[in-house]
Amino acid sequence: MSTPPELSIPELTSVLGEFTRMNIRLPALQRLSFTTLSVLHTLTHDGPKRLSELTATEQVTQPAITQLVTKLERDGLVERHPDPSDGRATLVHITPAGTAITQGRQAERNARLTELADHLTPAERAAIAVALPALARLVQLHREGGQA
């Protein structure tokens, strides 16, 4: 019986970085900036956010996120509504048009990755399938603040 290979964190970081760059660029229909897409994705998956929360999650300055949200609002992709927990604040909500962009990009990404995966061997496909729960767990740990 063979021993499982050791996990190389530098190799994992490198491969995930390259995969992420490829995955981000797979959809070709809707050309939007990375930050724009990230904001739409965040709002789609995490729900409405204050501008200050978006500043933190998107790692941009307050003026930059304000300018971006204003443009997205003008384009009909997001809306601002009063925060029910604090009348002085507003929450940024994604609109159906914004959701359509994220869903369309996901569908296009799924189709392109299916094409690429069709060129993998059965063993390569199985190896990725086996790794998915561990990768999902890394994401969960990160969301929980990196605690094991």
N, C-alpha and C. Protein backbone atom coordinates (compact mmCIF):
# COMPACT_ATOMS: atom_id res chain seq x y z
N MET A 1 0.84 -1.18 0.00
CA MET A 1 0.00 0.00 0.00
C MET A 1 0.88 1.24 0.00
N SER A 2 0.63 2.16 -0.91
CA SER A 2 1.47 3.35 -1.02
C SER A 2 0.99 4.43 -0.06
N THR A 3 1.91 5.27 0.33
CA THR A 3 1.56 6.38 1.22
C THR A 3 1.08 7.55 0.39
N PRO A 4 0.13 8.31 0.92
CA PRO A 4 -0.37 9.45 0.16
C PRO A 4 0.72 10.51 0.02
N PRO A 5 0.68 11.27 -1.06
CA PRO A 5 1.70 12.31 -1.25
C PRO A 5 1.56 13.40 -0.18
N GLU A 6 2.70 14.02 0.16
CA GLU A 6 2.70 15.13 1.11
C GLU A 6 2.12 16.36 0.43
N LEU A 7 1.41 17.17 1.20
CA LEU A 7 0.85 18.42 0.68
C LEU A 7 1.94 19.48 0.66
N SER A 8 2.20 20.03 -0.51
CA SER A 8 3.13 21.13 -0.66
C SER A 8 2.32 22.42 -0.71
N ILE A 9 2.41 23.22 0.36
CA ILE A 9 1.66 24.48 0.40
C ILE A 9 2.12 25.43 -0.71
N PRO A 10 3.42 25.58 -0.98
CA PRO A 10 3.81 26.45 -2.10
C PRO A 10 3.23 25.98 -3.44
N GLU A 11 3.20 24.66 -3.67
CA GLU A 11 2.62 24.14 -4.91
C GLU A 11 1.11 24.38 -4.94
N LEU A 12 0.44 24.14 -3.80
CA LEU A 12 -1.00 24.40 -3.71
C LEU A 12 -1.30 25.86 -4.01
N THR A 13 -0.54 26.76 -3.40
CA THR A 13 -0.74 28.19 -3.61
C THR A 13 -0.55 28.56 -5.08
N SER A 14 0.50 28.03 -5.68
CA SER A 14 0.78 28.32 -7.08
C SER A 14 -0.32 27.81 -8.01
N VAL A 15 -0.70 26.55 -7.82
CA VAL A 15 -1.72 25.96 -8.69
C VAL A 15 -3.07 26.65 -8.49
N LEU A 16 -3.45 26.90 -7.23
CA LEU A 16 -4.72 27.58 -6.99
C LEU A 16 -4.71 29.00 -7.57
N GLY A 17 -3.57 29.67 -7.47
CA GLY A 17 -3.47 31.01 -8.05
C GLY A 17 -3.67 30.97 -9.56
N GLU A 18 -2.99 30.05 -10.22
CA GLU A 18 -3.13 29.92 -11.68
C GLU A 18 -4.55 29.50 -12.05
N PHE A 19 -5.11 28.57 -11.29
CA PHE A 19 -6.48 28.12 -11.57
C PHE A 19 -7.46 29.27 -11.38
N THR A 20 -7.28 30.05 -10.32
CA THR A 20 -8.17 31.17 -10.05
C THR A 20 -8.11 32.19 -11.19
N ARG A 21 -6.90 32.52 -11.63
CA ARG A 21 -6.77 33.48 -12.74
C ARG A 21 -7.45 32.94 -13.99
N MET A 22 -7.27 31.66 -14.28
CA MET A 22 -7.92 31.05 -15.44
C MET A 22 -9.44 31.09 -15.28
N ASN A 23 -9.92 30.69 -14.10
CA ASN A 23 -11.35 30.60 -13.84
C ASN A 23 -12.03 31.97 -13.94
N ILE A 24 -11.37 32.99 -13.44
CA ILE A 24 -11.93 34.35 -13.52
C ILE A 24 -12.09 34.78 -14.96
N ARG A 25 -11.16 34.37 -15.80
CA ARG A 25 -11.14 34.83 -17.19
C ARG A 25 -11.92 33.93 -18.15
N LEU A 26 -12.45 32.81 -17.68
CA LEU A 26 -13.15 31.89 -18.58
C LEU A 26 -14.34 32.54 -19.30
N PRO A 27 -15.25 33.19 -18.57
CA PRO A 27 -16.37 33.80 -19.29
C PRO A 27 -15.88 34.93 -20.21
N ALA A 28 -16.41 34.95 -21.40
CA ALA A 28 -15.97 35.95 -22.37
C ALA A 28 -17.08 36.92 -22.78
N LEU A 29 -18.32 36.63 -22.40
CA LEU A 29 -19.43 37.46 -22.88
C LEU A 29 -19.50 38.80 -22.18
N GLN A 30 -19.42 38.83 -20.89
CA GLN A 30 -19.61 40.06 -20.12
C GLN A 30 -18.25 40.52 -19.60
N ARG A 31 -17.65 41.50 -20.25
CA ARG A 31 -16.33 42.01 -19.85
C ARG A 31 -16.50 43.13 -18.84
N LEU A 32 -16.26 42.82 -17.58
CA LEU A 32 -16.34 43.81 -16.52
C LEU A 32 -15.07 43.71 -15.69
N SER A 33 -14.76 44.76 -14.95
CA SER A 33 -13.55 44.74 -14.13
C SER A 33 -13.67 43.68 -13.04
N PHE A 34 -12.51 43.25 -12.55
CA PHE A 34 -12.49 42.25 -11.49
C PHE A 34 -13.24 42.75 -10.26
N THR A 35 -13.02 44.01 -9.88
CA THR A 35 -13.67 44.54 -8.68
C THR A 35 -15.18 44.61 -8.88
N THR A 36 -15.63 45.01 -10.05
CA THR A 36 -17.06 45.04 -10.35
C THR A 36 -17.66 43.65 -10.19
N LEU A 37 -17.02 42.67 -10.79
CA LEU A 37 -17.52 41.30 -10.71
C LEU A 37 -17.47 40.78 -9.28
N SER A 38 -16.44 41.14 -8.56
CA SER A 38 -16.32 40.70 -7.17
C SER A 38 -17.44 41.28 -6.31
N VAL A 39 -17.75 42.56 -6.50
CA VAL A 39 -18.85 43.18 -5.75
C VAL A 39 -20.17 42.49 -6.08
N LEU A 40 -20.44 42.26 -7.36
CA LEU A 40 -21.68 41.59 -7.76
C LEU A 40 -21.74 40.18 -7.17
N HIS A 41 -20.62 39.48 -7.21
CA HIS A 41 -20.57 38.13 -6.66
C HIS A 41 -20.82 38.17 -5.14
N THR A 42 -20.17 39.08 -4.45
CA THR A 42 -20.35 39.20 -3.00
C THR A 42 -21.81 39.46 -2.66
N LEU A 43 -22.44 40.38 -3.36
CA LEU A 43 -23.84 40.71 -3.08
C LEU A 43 -24.77 39.56 -3.44
N THR A 44 -24.44 38.83 -4.49
CA THR A 44 -25.25 37.67 -4.89
C THR A 44 -25.21 36.59 -3.83
N HIS A 45 -24.01 36.31 -3.32
CA HIS A 45 -23.84 35.17 -2.42
C HIS A 45 -23.97 35.51 -0.94
N ASP A 46 -23.68 36.76 -0.57
CA ASP A 46 -23.69 37.13 0.85
C ASP A 46 -24.81 38.08 1.23
N GLY A 47 -25.58 38.55 0.24
CA GLY A 47 -26.68 39.46 0.53
C GLY A 47 -26.24 40.91 0.63
N PRO A 48 -27.20 41.79 0.94
CA PRO A 48 -26.93 43.22 0.99
C PRO A 48 -25.81 43.56 1.97
N LYS A 49 -25.04 44.59 1.61
CA LYS A 49 -23.91 45.02 2.43
C LYS A 49 -23.87 46.54 2.51
N ARG A 50 -23.34 47.04 3.61
CA ARG A 50 -23.02 48.46 3.73
C ARG A 50 -21.77 48.74 2.89
N LEU A 51 -21.61 49.99 2.51
CA LEU A 51 -20.41 50.36 1.75
C LEU A 51 -19.14 50.03 2.53
N SER A 52 -19.16 50.24 3.83
CA SER A 52 -17.97 49.94 4.65
C SER A 52 -17.64 48.45 4.62
N GLU A 53 -18.66 47.60 4.58
CA GLU A 53 -18.42 46.15 4.49
C GLU A 53 -17.82 45.79 3.13
N LEU A 54 -18.33 46.43 2.08
CA LEU A 54 -17.78 46.18 0.74
C LEU A 54 -16.34 46.67 0.64
N THR A 55 -16.05 47.79 1.29
CA THR A 55 -14.68 48.29 1.30
C THR A 55 -13.75 47.23 1.88
N ALA A 56 -14.18 46.59 2.96
CA ALA A 56 -13.36 45.57 3.61
C ALA A 56 -13.27 44.30 2.77
N THR A 57 -14.39 43.79 2.27
CA THR A 57 -14.36 42.53 1.53
C THR A 57 -13.65 42.67 0.19
N GLU A 58 -13.79 43.82 -0.45
CA GLU A 58 -13.20 44.00 -1.78
C GLU A 58 -11.80 44.58 -1.72
N GLN A 59 -11.36 44.98 -0.52
CA GLN A 59 -10.01 45.50 -0.30
C GLN A 59 -9.71 46.70 -1.20
N VAL A 60 -10.64 47.64 -1.20
CA VAL A 60 -10.45 48.91 -1.91
C VAL A 60 -10.78 50.04 -0.95
N THR A 61 -10.47 51.25 -1.36
CA THR A 61 -10.73 52.40 -0.50
C THR A 61 -12.21 52.75 -0.49
N GLN A 62 -12.62 53.49 0.52
CA GLN A 62 -14.00 53.95 0.62
C GLN A 62 -14.40 54.78 -0.62
N PRO A 63 -13.57 55.75 -1.06
CA PRO A 63 -13.95 56.50 -2.26
C PRO A 63 -14.09 55.61 -3.49
N ALA A 64 -13.22 54.61 -3.61
CA ALA A 64 -13.29 53.72 -4.78
C ALA A 64 -14.57 52.90 -4.77
N ILE A 65 -14.95 52.36 -3.61
CA ILE A 65 -16.17 51.54 -3.56
C ILE A 65 -17.40 52.42 -3.76
N THR A 66 -17.37 53.64 -3.23
CA THR A 66 -18.50 54.56 -3.42
C THR A 66 -18.67 54.87 -4.91
N GLN A 67 -17.57 55.14 -5.58
CA GLN A 67 -17.62 55.43 -7.02
C GLN A 67 -18.11 54.22 -7.81
N LEU A 68 -17.63 53.04 -7.46
CA LEU A 68 -18.04 51.83 -8.16
C LEU A 68 -19.52 51.55 -7.95
N VAL A 69 -19.99 51.65 -6.70
CA VAL A 69 -21.40 51.38 -6.41
C VAL A 69 -22.29 52.41 -7.12
N THR A 70 -21.85 53.65 -7.19
CA THR A 70 -22.62 54.67 -7.91
C THR A 70 -22.75 54.29 -9.39
N LYS A 71 -21.64 53.81 -9.99
CA LYS A 71 -21.69 53.38 -11.39
C LYS A 71 -22.59 52.16 -11.56
N LEU A 72 -22.47 51.18 -10.65
CA LEU A 72 -23.32 49.99 -10.73
C LEU A 72 -24.79 50.34 -10.56
N GLU A 73 -25.06 51.32 -9.70
CA GLU A 73 -26.43 51.77 -9.49
C GLU A 73 -26.96 52.44 -10.76
N ARG A 74 -26.14 53.26 -11.37
CA ARG A 74 -26.52 53.94 -12.62
C ARG A 74 -26.78 52.92 -13.73
N ASP A 75 -26.01 51.81 -13.72
CA ASP A 75 -26.17 50.76 -14.73
C ASP A 75 -27.30 49.79 -14.41
N GLY A 76 -27.97 49.99 -13.26
CA GLY A 76 -29.11 49.15 -12.89
C GLY A 76 -28.72 47.80 -12.32
N LEU A 77 -27.47 47.66 -11.87
CA LEU A 77 -27.01 46.36 -11.36
C LEU A 77 -27.12 46.25 -9.84
N VAL A 78 -27.16 47.39 -9.14
CA VAL A 78 -27.36 47.41 -7.69
C VAL A 78 -28.31 48.55 -7.35
N GLU A 79 -28.86 48.48 -6.15
CA GLU A 79 -29.71 49.54 -5.60
C GLU A 79 -29.29 49.78 -4.16
N ARG A 80 -29.48 51.01 -3.70
CA ARG A 80 -29.24 51.32 -2.29
C ARG A 80 -30.59 51.46 -1.60
N HIS A 81 -30.69 50.87 -0.41
CA HIS A 81 -31.90 50.96 0.40
C HIS A 81 -31.49 51.29 1.83
N PRO A 82 -32.35 51.97 2.58
CA PRO A 82 -32.02 52.26 3.98
C PRO A 82 -31.79 50.96 4.76
N ASP A 83 -30.82 51.01 5.66
CA ASP A 83 -30.53 49.86 6.53
C ASP A 83 -31.59 49.86 7.62
N PRO A 84 -32.43 48.80 7.70
CA PRO A 84 -33.49 48.77 8.70
C PRO A 84 -32.96 48.81 10.14
N SER A 85 -31.71 48.41 10.35
CA SER A 85 -31.15 48.42 11.69
C SER A 85 -30.51 49.75 12.06
N ASP A 86 -30.31 50.64 11.06
CA ASP A 86 -29.70 51.94 11.31
C ASP A 86 -30.13 52.88 10.19
N GLY A 87 -31.10 53.72 10.48
CA GLY A 87 -31.67 54.61 9.47
C GLY A 87 -30.68 55.55 8.81
N ARG A 88 -29.52 55.76 9.43
CA ARG A 88 -28.52 56.66 8.85
C ARG A 88 -27.70 55.97 7.77
N ALA A 89 -27.69 54.65 7.77
CA ALA A 89 -26.86 53.88 6.84
C ALA A 89 -27.71 53.33 5.69
N THR A 90 -27.02 52.95 4.62
CA THR A 90 -27.70 52.30 3.50
C THR A 90 -27.07 50.94 3.25
N LEU A 91 -27.87 50.09 2.68
CA LEU A 91 -27.40 48.77 2.26
C LEU A 91 -27.42 48.72 0.74
N VAL A 92 -26.40 48.11 0.17
CA VAL A 92 -26.33 47.92 -1.28
C VAL A 92 -26.91 46.54 -1.58
N HIS A 93 -27.92 46.52 -2.44
CA HIS A 93 -28.60 45.28 -2.84
C HIS A 93 -28.31 45.04 -4.32
N ILE A 94 -28.15 43.78 -4.69
CA ILE A 94 -28.02 43.45 -6.10
C ILE A 94 -29.41 43.42 -6.73
N THR A 95 -29.51 43.86 -7.98
CA THR A 95 -30.79 43.84 -8.70
C THR A 95 -30.89 42.55 -9.51
N PRO A 96 -32.05 42.27 -10.06
CA PRO A 96 -32.16 41.10 -10.94
C PRO A 96 -31.17 41.16 -12.12
N ALA A 97 -30.91 42.36 -12.65
CA ALA A 97 -29.95 42.49 -13.75
C ALA A 97 -28.54 42.14 -13.28
N GLY A 98 -28.19 42.55 -12.06
CA GLY A 98 -26.88 42.19 -11.51
C GLY A 98 -26.76 40.71 -11.27
N THR A 99 -27.83 40.12 -10.73
CA THR A 99 -27.84 38.67 -10.51
C THR A 99 -27.72 37.92 -11.82
N ALA A 100 -28.37 38.43 -12.86
CA ALA A 100 -28.30 37.77 -14.17
C ALA A 100 -26.86 37.73 -14.68
N ILE A 101 -26.09 38.78 -14.41
CA ILE A 101 -24.69 38.78 -14.84
C ILE A 101 -23.92 37.70 -14.11
N THR A 102 -24.08 37.60 -12.79
CA THR A 102 -23.31 36.59 -12.06
C THR A 102 -23.76 35.18 -12.46
N GLN A 103 -25.04 34.99 -12.66
CA GLN A 103 -25.54 33.66 -13.06
C GLN A 103 -25.08 33.31 -14.48
N GLY A 104 -25.10 34.29 -15.38
CA GLY A 104 -24.65 34.05 -16.75
C GLY A 104 -23.17 33.70 -16.80
N ARG A 105 -22.38 34.42 -16.01
CA ARG A 105 -20.95 34.12 -15.96
C ARG A 105 -20.71 32.73 -15.37
N GLN A 106 -21.48 32.35 -14.36
CA GLN A 106 -21.33 31.02 -13.77
C GLN A 106 -21.68 29.95 -14.78
N ALA A 107 -22.75 30.15 -15.52
CA ALA A 107 -23.15 29.16 -16.54
C ALA A 107 -22.08 29.05 -17.62
N GLU A 108 -21.55 30.18 -18.05
CA GLU A 108 -20.50 30.16 -19.07
C GLU A 108 -19.23 29.48 -18.53
N ARG A 109 -18.90 29.77 -17.28
CA ARG A 109 -17.73 29.14 -16.65
C ARG A 109 -17.95 27.63 -16.54
N ASN A 110 -19.14 27.20 -16.13
CA ASN A 110 -19.44 25.76 -16.04
C ASN A 110 -19.28 25.08 -17.39
N ALA A 111 -19.78 25.72 -18.44
CA ALA A 111 -19.69 25.13 -19.78
C ALA A 111 -18.24 25.00 -20.21
N ARG A 112 -17.45 26.05 -19.99
CA ARG A 112 -16.04 26.02 -20.41
C ARG A 112 -15.24 25.01 -19.59
N LEU A 113 -15.47 24.95 -18.28
CA LEU A 113 -14.76 23.97 -17.47
C LEU A 113 -15.16 22.54 -17.83
N THR A 114 -16.40 22.34 -18.22
CA THR A 114 -16.84 21.02 -18.69
C THR A 114 -16.04 20.62 -19.92
N GLU A 115 -15.88 21.56 -20.86
CA GLU A 115 -15.09 21.28 -22.07
C GLU A 115 -13.66 20.91 -21.70
N LEU A 116 -13.05 21.67 -20.79
CA LEU A 116 -11.67 21.38 -20.40
C LEU A 116 -11.57 20.05 -19.66
N ALA A 117 -12.52 19.79 -18.74
CA ALA A 117 -12.50 18.56 -17.96
C ALA A 117 -12.68 17.32 -18.84
N ASP A 118 -13.35 17.50 -19.97
CA ASP A 118 -13.52 16.38 -20.89
C ASP A 118 -12.18 15.87 -21.43
N HIS A 119 -11.14 16.68 -21.34
CA HIS A 119 -9.82 16.29 -21.82
C HIS A 119 -8.96 15.66 -20.73
N LEU A 120 -9.47 15.58 -19.51
CA LEU A 120 -8.75 14.94 -18.42
C LEU A 120 -8.96 13.44 -18.46
N THR A 121 -8.03 12.72 -17.89
CA THR A 121 -8.19 11.27 -17.77
C THR A 121 -9.20 11.00 -16.65
N PRO A 122 -9.78 9.81 -16.63
CA PRO A 122 -10.67 9.47 -15.51
C PRO A 122 -9.97 9.62 -14.16
N ALA A 123 -8.72 9.25 -14.08
CA ALA A 123 -7.98 9.37 -12.81
C ALA A 123 -7.82 10.84 -12.40
N GLU A 124 -7.56 11.72 -13.36
CA GLU A 124 -7.44 13.15 -13.05
C GLU A 124 -8.77 13.71 -12.57
N ARG A 125 -9.84 13.32 -13.24
CA ARG A 125 -11.17 13.78 -12.82
C ARG A 125 -11.49 13.28 -11.41
N ALA A 126 -11.15 12.03 -11.13
CA ALA A 126 -11.40 11.46 -9.80
C ALA A 126 -10.56 12.17 -8.74
N ALA A 127 -9.32 12.50 -9.06
CA ALA A 127 -8.45 13.19 -8.11
C ALA A 127 -9.03 14.55 -7.74
N ILE A 128 -9.57 15.25 -8.72
CA ILE A 128 -10.19 16.55 -8.43
C ILE A 128 -11.43 16.34 -7.57
N ALA A 129 -12.23 15.35 -7.91
CA ALA A 129 -13.45 15.07 -7.13
C ALA A 129 -13.10 14.76 -5.67
N VAL A 130 -12.05 14.00 -5.44
CA VAL A 130 -11.65 13.65 -4.09
C VAL A 130 -11.14 14.89 -3.34
N ALA A 131 -10.52 15.83 -4.04
CA ALA A 131 -9.96 17.03 -3.40
C ALA A 131 -11.01 18.08 -3.06
N LEU A 132 -12.16 18.05 -3.70
CA LEU A 132 -13.17 19.10 -3.50
C LEU A 132 -13.59 19.29 -2.05
N PRO A 133 -13.89 18.24 -1.29
CA PRO A 133 -14.28 18.46 0.11
C PRO A 133 -13.18 19.16 0.93
N ALA A 134 -11.93 18.80 0.69
CA ALA A 134 -10.84 19.44 1.42
C ALA A 134 -10.71 20.91 1.04
N LEU A 135 -10.86 21.22 -0.23
CA LEU A 135 -10.80 22.62 -0.67
C LEU A 135 -11.98 23.41 -0.08
N ALA A 136 -13.15 22.81 -0.06
CA ALA A 136 -14.31 23.47 0.54
C ALA A 136 -14.07 23.72 2.03
N ARG A 137 -13.41 22.80 2.68
CA ARG A 137 -13.10 22.96 4.11
C ARG A 137 -12.12 24.12 4.32
N LEU A 138 -11.14 24.28 3.43
CA LEU A 138 -10.23 25.43 3.53
C LEU A 138 -11.00 26.74 3.42
N VAL A 139 -11.96 26.79 2.51
CA VAL A 139 -12.79 27.99 2.38
C VAL A 139 -13.57 28.23 3.67
N GLN A 140 -14.15 27.18 4.22
CA GLN A 140 -14.91 27.29 5.47
C GLN A 140 -14.02 27.80 6.60
N LEU A 141 -12.82 27.26 6.73
CA LEU A 141 -11.90 27.70 7.77
C LEU A 141 -11.55 29.18 7.62
N HIS A 142 -11.36 29.60 6.38
CA HIS A 142 -11.06 31.01 6.13
C HIS A 142 -12.23 31.89 6.56
N ARG A 143 -13.44 31.49 6.21
CA ARG A 143 -14.62 32.27 6.59
C ARG A 143 -14.80 32.34 8.10
N GLU A 144 -14.37 31.30 8.78
CA GLU A 144 -14.48 31.25 10.24
C GLU A 144 -13.33 31.98 10.92
N GLY A 145 -12.46 32.58 10.14
CA GLY A 145 -11.36 33.34 10.70
C GLY A 145 -10.07 32.57 10.82
N GLY A 146 -9.95 31.49 10.08
CA GLY A 146 -8.70 30.74 10.06
C GLY A 146 -8.49 29.83 11.24
N GLN A 147 -9.52 29.63 12.06
CA GLN A 147 -9.38 28.75 13.21
C GLN A 147 -9.57 27.30 12.78
N ALA A 148 -8.73 26.44 13.30
CA ALA A 148 -8.84 25.02 12.98
C ALA A 148 -9.82 24.35 13.93
